[in-house]
Amino acid sequence: MTDPGERLRSSLAADQSSSSPSGMADFDSPIAMEALRATRVLHAADQDPFPAPSRIRVITIANQKGGVGKTTSTVNLGVALALYGLRTLVIDLDPQGNASTALGVEHTVGTPSVYDALVGDSTLAEVVHPTTASPKLLCVPATIDLAGAEIELVSVVAREHRLRRAIETYVHELPPEQRPHYVLIDCPPSLGLLTLNALVAGDEVLIPIQCEYYALEGLGQLLSNIDLVRAHLNPGISVRTILLTMYDGRTKLADQVADEVRNHFGELVLPAVIPRNVRVSEAPGYGQSVLTYDPGSRGSTSYVEAARQLAERGVDLPPVDRSGMAGVTAAPPVAVQSVQERQ
């Protein structure tokens, strides 16, 4: 008997080669469309991989406003990148440990975590954990101990660079074929020392913006802080990506906010928009991302498309300029991964 997924893929290929303007002639019912979307995610390994970046991308996902989708975006973008062939490391820098929960990684008290790398003598290699989502996706979890890290780091020399140096040491010790293509850092909803460490560690910032009225309030403070970090601590940091989240197409307000953000930030805003979708909210309760929990949902499809666009923007990135940072080196280049390397 022909595999149902194979039938769907064959039908999709036929549709795409037809003259139908939508390319979806045989998938005009909601159930068929959801089945098609689920098949495309579940069989990601059988599709073309996302393009590998020209260098390792260390992306800080930050916004001091809570509830805008930082953790959700970190987790689902990380899973999408990994499912489509790119080695990805997620660093959970939020004491609540929500990213660790969503990736099925243990983060109870006593678990080796990012706290041990920031405050203790552990290396990232000693606290990194595999995830349930993909063998290409690793996670450095956060425990509640991280809540006291900002106080403990006050007296530490070069406290703002702790995470940067931990990442560089970890990457440099790996053979080139095992180095991550992406390092995604999930920040807490604040502009404290943990977020400062993430901004110094990152080469670029991704800002999730909720499609609601208060979306842009406080954003100026975040951008101001990024400018200060660029001037004094990390000249290579820049805002490269804005992701619109929690978009409700039933309201005019969502369209107004989206238009305002696109007019202000221009090409920094990804074309893909993350809709308000209950499956996205349910998935962490099962220790999963939405891509593995309900691969056919609109939330899953949107995050896959956002990850694809993010990956395409990383193909021709310029080298990171760190000439103003003595003793701090740029991440090593990443060898382009071919289709044959994917597992």
Protein backbone atom coordinates (compact mmCIF):
# COMPACT_ATOMS: atom_id res chain seq x y z
CA MET A 1 0.00 0.00 0.00
CA THR A 2 1.28 3.47 -0.85
CA ASP A 3 2.36 5.53 2.13
CA PRO A 4 -0.17 8.35 2.79
CA GLY A 5 2.64 10.84 3.29
CA GLU A 6 4.16 9.83 -0.03
CA ARG A 7 0.82 10.30 -1.76
CA LEU A 8 0.51 13.77 -0.26
CA ARG A 9 4.03 14.73 -1.30
CA SER A 10 3.50 13.43 -4.82
CA SER A 11 0.22 15.29 -5.11
CA LEU A 12 1.84 18.45 -3.77
CA ALA A 13 4.65 18.19 -6.33
CA ALA A 14 2.07 17.73 -9.10
CA ASP A 15 0.14 20.76 -7.88
CA GLN A 16 3.24 22.93 -7.76
CA SER A 17 4.10 22.04 -11.35
CA SER A 18 0.57 22.71 -12.58
CA SER A 19 -0.73 26.01 -13.83
CA SER A 20 -3.04 26.46 -10.86
CA PRO A 21 -2.33 29.91 -9.34
CA SER A 22 -2.56 28.59 -5.82
CA GLY A 23 -0.71 25.33 -6.43
CA MET A 24 -3.08 23.74 -3.92
CA ALA A 25 -5.94 22.61 -6.14
CA ASP A 26 -6.34 19.21 -4.50
CA PHE A 27 -6.02 20.56 -0.96
CA ASP A 28 -8.98 22.91 -0.76
CA SER A 29 -10.51 21.51 2.42
CA PRO A 30 -9.27 22.47 5.92
CA ILE A 31 -8.57 18.85 6.89
CA ALA A 32 -6.59 18.16 3.72
CA MET A 33 -4.59 21.36 4.15
CA GLU A 34 -3.74 20.50 7.75
CA ALA A 35 -2.69 17.00 6.69
CA LEU A 36 -0.48 18.50 4.01
CA ARG A 37 1.15 20.92 6.45
CA ALA A 38 1.73 18.14 8.98
CA THR A 39 3.32 15.91 6.35
CA ARG A 40 5.70 18.62 5.25
CA VAL A 41 6.93 19.13 8.83
CA LEU A 42 7.02 15.44 9.80
CA HIS A 43 9.00 14.62 6.65
CA ALA A 44 11.32 17.62 6.92
CA ALA A 45 14.35 15.33 6.49
CA ASP A 46 13.09 14.35 3.03
CA GLN A 47 12.94 17.96 1.85
CA ASP A 48 15.64 20.41 0.86
CA PRO A 49 17.55 21.61 3.95
CA PHE A 50 17.61 25.24 4.94
CA PRO A 51 20.74 27.02 3.66
CA ALA A 52 23.64 27.05 6.11
CA PRO A 53 24.88 30.46 7.27
CA SER A 54 28.20 31.88 6.10
CA ARG A 55 29.33 31.91 9.74
CA ILE A 56 28.01 30.83 13.10
CA ARG A 57 25.04 33.01 14.00
CA VAL A 58 24.71 33.84 17.70
CA ILE A 59 21.24 35.36 17.98
CA THR A 60 19.99 37.03 21.14
CA ILE A 61 16.19 36.94 21.34
CA ALA A 62 15.25 39.83 23.58
CA ASN A 63 12.40 42.12 24.58
CA GLN A 64 12.00 43.33 28.15
CA LYS A 65 8.23 43.27 27.75
CA GLY A 66 6.86 39.94 29.00
CA GLY A 67 4.48 37.71 27.11
CA VAL A 68 5.52 38.72 23.58
CA GLY A 69 6.70 35.28 22.48
CA LYS A 70 10.45 35.31 23.21
CA THR A 71 10.64 31.79 24.59
CA THR A 72 8.05 30.41 22.18
CA SER A 73 9.95 31.88 19.24
CA THR A 74 13.32 30.67 20.52
CA VAL A 75 12.05 27.11 20.92
CA ASN A 76 10.11 26.83 17.68
CA LEU A 77 12.69 28.57 15.52
CA GLY A 78 15.35 26.32 17.04
CA VAL A 79 13.33 23.17 16.35
CA ALA A 80 12.53 24.27 12.79
CA LEU A 81 16.18 25.01 12.01
CA ALA A 82 17.23 21.63 13.43
CA LEU A 83 14.53 19.65 11.64
CA TYR A 84 15.64 21.21 8.37
CA GLY A 85 19.26 20.24 8.75
CA LEU A 86 21.00 22.99 10.73
CA ARG A 87 22.82 22.24 13.98
CA THR A 88 21.32 24.50 16.64
CA LEU A 89 22.11 25.27 20.27
CA VAL A 90 19.45 26.90 22.47
CA ILE A 91 20.68 28.62 25.63
CA ASP A 92 17.93 29.21 28.19
CA LEU A 93 18.87 32.36 30.10
CA ASP A 94 15.49 32.85 31.81
CA PRO A 95 15.36 31.60 35.44
CA GLN A 96 11.82 30.34 34.80
CA GLY A 97 13.30 27.69 32.49
CA ASN A 98 10.36 27.71 30.07
CA ALA A 99 12.52 27.02 27.01
CA SER A 100 13.99 24.01 28.79
CA THR A 101 10.48 22.75 29.55
CA ALA A 102 9.34 23.13 25.94
CA LEU A 103 12.37 21.19 24.70
CA GLY A 104 11.86 18.33 27.15
CA VAL A 105 15.07 19.08 29.06
CA GLU A 106 15.29 18.51 32.82
CA HIS A 107 15.84 21.75 34.75
CA THR A 108 15.13 20.93 38.38
CA VAL A 109 17.42 22.18 41.14
CA GLY A 110 20.77 20.45 40.89
CA THR A 111 20.64 19.90 37.14
CA PRO A 112 23.84 21.11 35.41
CA SER A 113 22.72 24.36 33.80
CA VAL A 114 23.77 27.70 32.39
CA TYR A 115 24.08 28.95 35.98
CA ASP A 116 27.09 26.68 36.47
CA ALA A 117 28.73 28.12 33.36
CA LEU A 118 28.07 31.75 34.32
CA VAL A 119 28.79 31.66 38.04
CA GLY A 120 30.72 28.41 38.50
CA ASP A 121 33.64 26.81 36.72
CA SER A 122 31.69 24.53 34.40
CA THR A 123 32.01 24.76 30.64
CA LEU A 124 29.04 24.78 28.28
CA ALA A 125 30.10 21.34 27.08
CA GLU A 126 29.49 20.05 30.63
CA VAL A 127 25.99 21.51 30.93
CA VAL A 128 24.60 21.02 27.41
CA HIS A 129 21.76 18.49 27.08
CA PRO A 130 20.14 16.69 24.13
CA THR A 131 16.51 17.50 23.36
CA THR A 132 13.53 15.37 22.41
CA ALA A 133 12.84 17.39 19.25
CA SER A 134 15.85 16.58 17.07
CA PRO A 135 19.36 15.10 17.36
CA LYS A 136 20.64 18.32 15.77
CA LEU A 137 19.14 20.45 18.55
CA LEU A 138 20.93 20.84 21.90
CA CYS A 139 19.91 22.92 24.91
CA VAL A 140 21.68 24.52 27.85
CA PRO A 141 18.89 24.60 30.46
CA ALA A 142 18.17 27.19 33.13
CA THR A 143 17.34 26.34 36.73
CA ILE A 144 15.86 28.52 39.45
CA ASP A 145 19.45 29.07 40.69
CA LEU A 146 19.81 31.52 37.83
CA ALA A 147 17.52 33.93 39.67
CA GLY A 148 20.40 34.80 42.01
CA ALA A 149 23.05 34.96 39.33
CA GLU A 150 22.78 38.71 38.80
CA ILE A 151 23.66 39.35 42.44
CA GLU A 152 26.46 36.78 42.45
CA LEU A 153 27.99 38.23 39.28
CA VAL A 154 28.20 41.79 40.62
CA SER A 155 31.71 41.31 42.02
CA VAL A 156 33.00 39.12 39.17
CA VAL A 157 35.61 40.61 36.85
CA ALA A 158 34.32 41.14 33.28
CA ARG A 159 30.90 39.88 34.38
CA GLU A 160 29.25 41.09 31.15
CA HIS A 161 31.47 38.77 29.08
CA ARG A 162 30.90 35.52 30.96
CA LEU A 163 28.43 34.04 28.49
CA ARG A 164 30.37 35.26 25.44
CA ARG A 165 33.53 33.55 26.57
CA ALA A 166 31.68 30.38 27.53
CA ILE A 167 30.18 30.16 24.03
CA GLU A 168 33.49 30.85 22.31
CA THR A 169 35.31 28.25 24.37
CA TYR A 170 32.59 25.69 23.63
CA VAL A 171 32.64 26.37 19.89
CA HIS A 172 36.41 26.41 19.56
CA GLU A 173 36.75 23.03 21.28
CA LEU A 174 34.35 21.33 18.86
CA PRO A 175 35.51 19.91 15.52
CA PRO A 176 34.19 21.99 12.60
CA GLU A 177 31.66 19.36 11.56
CA GLN A 178 30.03 19.49 15.03
CA ARG A 179 29.92 23.25 15.55
CA PRO A 180 26.42 24.72 15.68
CA HIS A 181 25.20 26.78 12.78
CA TYR A 182 22.93 28.70 15.15
CA VAL A 183 23.14 29.65 18.82
CA LEU A 184 19.81 31.05 20.06
CA ILE A 185 19.79 32.79 23.45
CA ASP A 186 16.43 33.14 25.21
CA CYS A 187 16.46 36.21 27.48
CA PRO A 188 14.41 36.95 30.60
CA PRO A 189 11.79 39.75 30.43
CA SER A 190 14.12 42.38 31.87
CA LEU A 191 17.14 44.50 31.00
CA GLY A 192 19.34 43.23 33.82
CA LEU A 193 22.73 41.57 33.89
CA LEU A 194 21.50 38.33 32.33
CA THR A 195 20.12 40.13 29.30
CA LEU A 196 23.30 42.23 29.17
CA ASN A 197 25.35 39.02 29.04
CA ALA A 198 23.17 37.82 26.17
CA LEU A 199 23.64 41.09 24.25
CA VAL A 200 27.40 40.95 24.68
CA ALA A 201 27.43 37.30 23.62
CA GLY A 202 25.29 37.78 20.52
CA ASP A 203 26.24 38.97 17.07
CA GLU A 204 22.67 39.96 16.26
CA VAL A 205 19.38 40.58 18.02
CA LEU A 206 15.97 39.17 17.12
CA ILE A 207 13.11 41.13 18.70
CA PRO A 208 9.66 39.48 18.89
CA ILE A 209 6.93 42.13 18.81
CA GLN A 210 3.37 41.32 19.79
CA CYS A 211 0.69 42.61 17.40
CA GLU A 212 -1.13 44.56 20.10
CA TYR A 213 -1.47 48.15 21.24
CA TYR A 214 1.37 48.25 23.77
CA ALA A 215 3.78 46.46 21.44
CA LEU A 216 6.12 49.40 20.85
CA GLU A 217 6.07 50.75 24.40
CA GLY A 218 9.44 50.18 26.00
CA LEU A 219 11.00 49.12 22.71
CA GLY A 220 12.91 52.39 22.59
CA GLN A 221 14.59 51.53 25.88
CA LEU A 222 15.70 48.16 24.51
CA LEU A 223 17.10 49.76 21.34
CA SER A 224 18.87 52.37 23.47
CA ASN A 225 20.46 49.64 25.58
CA ILE A 226 21.59 47.81 22.45
CA ASP A 227 23.24 51.04 21.25
CA LEU A 228 25.04 51.37 24.59
CA VAL A 229 26.23 47.76 24.38
CA ARG A 230 27.47 48.37 20.84
CA ALA A 231 29.35 51.50 21.94
CA HIS A 232 31.01 50.09 25.03
CA LEU A 233 30.94 46.28 25.14
CA ASN A 234 30.14 44.62 21.81
CA PRO A 235 30.64 46.66 18.61
CA GLY A 236 29.49 43.68 16.54
CA ILE A 237 25.93 43.57 17.90
CA SER A 238 23.03 44.82 15.78
CA VAL A 239 19.29 44.33 15.43
CA ARG A 240 18.88 42.23 12.30
CA THR A 241 15.44 40.69 12.72
CA ILE A 242 11.98 41.70 13.93
CA LEU A 243 9.37 38.94 14.27
CA LEU A 244 5.68 39.79 14.54
CA THR A 245 3.91 37.42 16.95
CA MET A 246 0.40 36.75 18.25
CA TYR A 247 -1.18 38.16 15.12
CA ASP A 248 -4.99 38.01 15.12
CA GLY A 249 -6.21 38.48 11.57
CA ARG A 250 -9.78 39.08 12.78
CA THR A 251 -8.90 42.50 14.19
CA LYS A 252 -7.94 45.74 12.48
CA LEU A 253 -5.66 46.51 15.42
CA ALA A 254 -3.30 43.66 14.51
CA ASP A 255 -3.01 44.97 10.95
CA GLN A 256 -2.39 48.49 12.20
CA VAL A 257 0.37 47.39 14.56
CA ALA A 258 1.95 45.20 11.87
CA ASP A 259 1.89 48.07 9.37
CA GLU A 260 3.37 50.47 11.91
CA VAL A 261 6.21 48.08 12.74
CA ARG A 262 6.95 47.41 9.06
CA ASN A 263 6.93 51.14 8.26
CA HIS A 264 9.33 51.85 11.12
CA PHE A 265 11.74 48.92 10.80
CA GLY A 266 11.46 48.17 7.08
CA GLU A 267 13.31 45.09 5.86
CA LEU A 268 14.30 44.04 9.39
CA VAL A 269 10.77 42.64 9.79
CA LEU A 270 10.38 39.07 8.59
CA PRO A 271 7.58 38.62 6.03
CA ALA A 272 6.31 35.62 8.03
CA VAL A 273 3.91 36.48 10.84
CA ILE A 274 3.16 34.20 13.80
CA PRO A 275 -0.62 33.96 14.34
CA ARG A 276 -2.35 33.68 17.67
CA ASN A 277 -2.82 29.91 17.84
CA VAL A 278 -3.92 27.78 20.77
CA ARG A 279 -1.65 24.90 19.72
CA VAL A 280 1.39 27.11 20.21
CA SER A 281 0.31 27.70 23.82
CA GLU A 282 -0.59 24.05 24.50
CA ALA A 283 2.66 22.49 23.24
CA PRO A 284 4.97 23.40 26.20
CA GLY A 285 2.58 21.62 28.58
CA TYR A 286 3.59 18.39 26.83
CA GLY A 287 7.30 19.23 26.80
CA GLN A 288 7.23 19.85 23.06
CA SER A 289 7.43 22.57 20.46
CA VAL A 290 4.38 23.24 18.31
CA LEU A 291 6.21 21.61 15.38
CA THR A 292 6.28 18.26 17.14
CA TYR A 293 3.03 18.67 19.08
CA ASP A 294 0.80 19.64 16.16
CA PRO A 295 2.84 19.88 12.95
CA GLY A 296 -0.24 20.65 10.87
CA SER A 297 -1.27 23.75 12.83
CA ARG A 298 -1.00 27.28 11.52
CA GLY A 299 1.45 28.07 14.28
CA SER A 300 3.77 25.28 13.17
CA THR A 301 3.63 26.33 9.53
CA SER A 302 4.32 29.96 10.42
CA TYR A 303 7.37 29.15 12.53
CA VAL A 304 8.78 26.91 9.79
CA GLU A 305 8.40 29.73 7.29
CA ALA A 306 9.93 32.25 9.71
CA ALA A 307 12.89 29.92 10.28
CA ARG A 308 13.32 29.49 6.53
CA GLN A 309 13.41 33.26 6.01
CA LEU A 310 15.82 33.65 8.93
CA ALA A 311 18.11 31.01 7.41
CA GLU A 312 18.00 32.60 3.96
CA ARG A 313 19.12 35.90 5.47
CA GLY A 314 22.18 34.20 6.94
CA VAL A 315 23.69 32.94 3.68
CA ASP A 316 25.72 36.06 2.84
CA LEU A 317 26.34 37.68 6.21
CA PRO A 318 29.41 39.93 6.47
CA PRO A 319 32.12 39.07 9.02
CA VAL A 320 31.51 40.35 12.53
CA ASP A 321 33.59 43.42 13.35
CA ARG A 322 35.07 43.05 16.82
CA SER A 323 38.08 45.26 16.29
CA GLY A 324 37.13 47.34 19.29
CA MET A 325 37.10 44.40 21.72
CA ALA A 326 40.50 43.40 22.99
CA GLY A 327 40.76 39.75 23.89
CA VAL A 328 37.39 38.82 22.39
CA THR A 329 37.38 36.89 19.13
CA ALA A 330 34.67 36.35 16.57
CA ALA A 331 33.01 32.98 16.24
CA PRO A 332 34.84 30.67 13.82
CA PRO A 333 33.50 30.21 10.32
CA VAL A 334 31.07 27.38 9.67
CA ALA A 335 31.64 24.91 6.85
CA VAL A 336 28.63 24.82 4.55
CA GLN A 337 26.63 21.68 5.24
CA SER A 338 25.66 19.60 2.24
CA VAL A 339 22.53 17.51 1.87
CA GLN A 340 24.59 14.34 2.37
CA GLU A 341 25.55 15.43 5.89
CA ARG A 342 21.96 15.50 7.07
CA GLN A 343 20.76 12.53 9.08
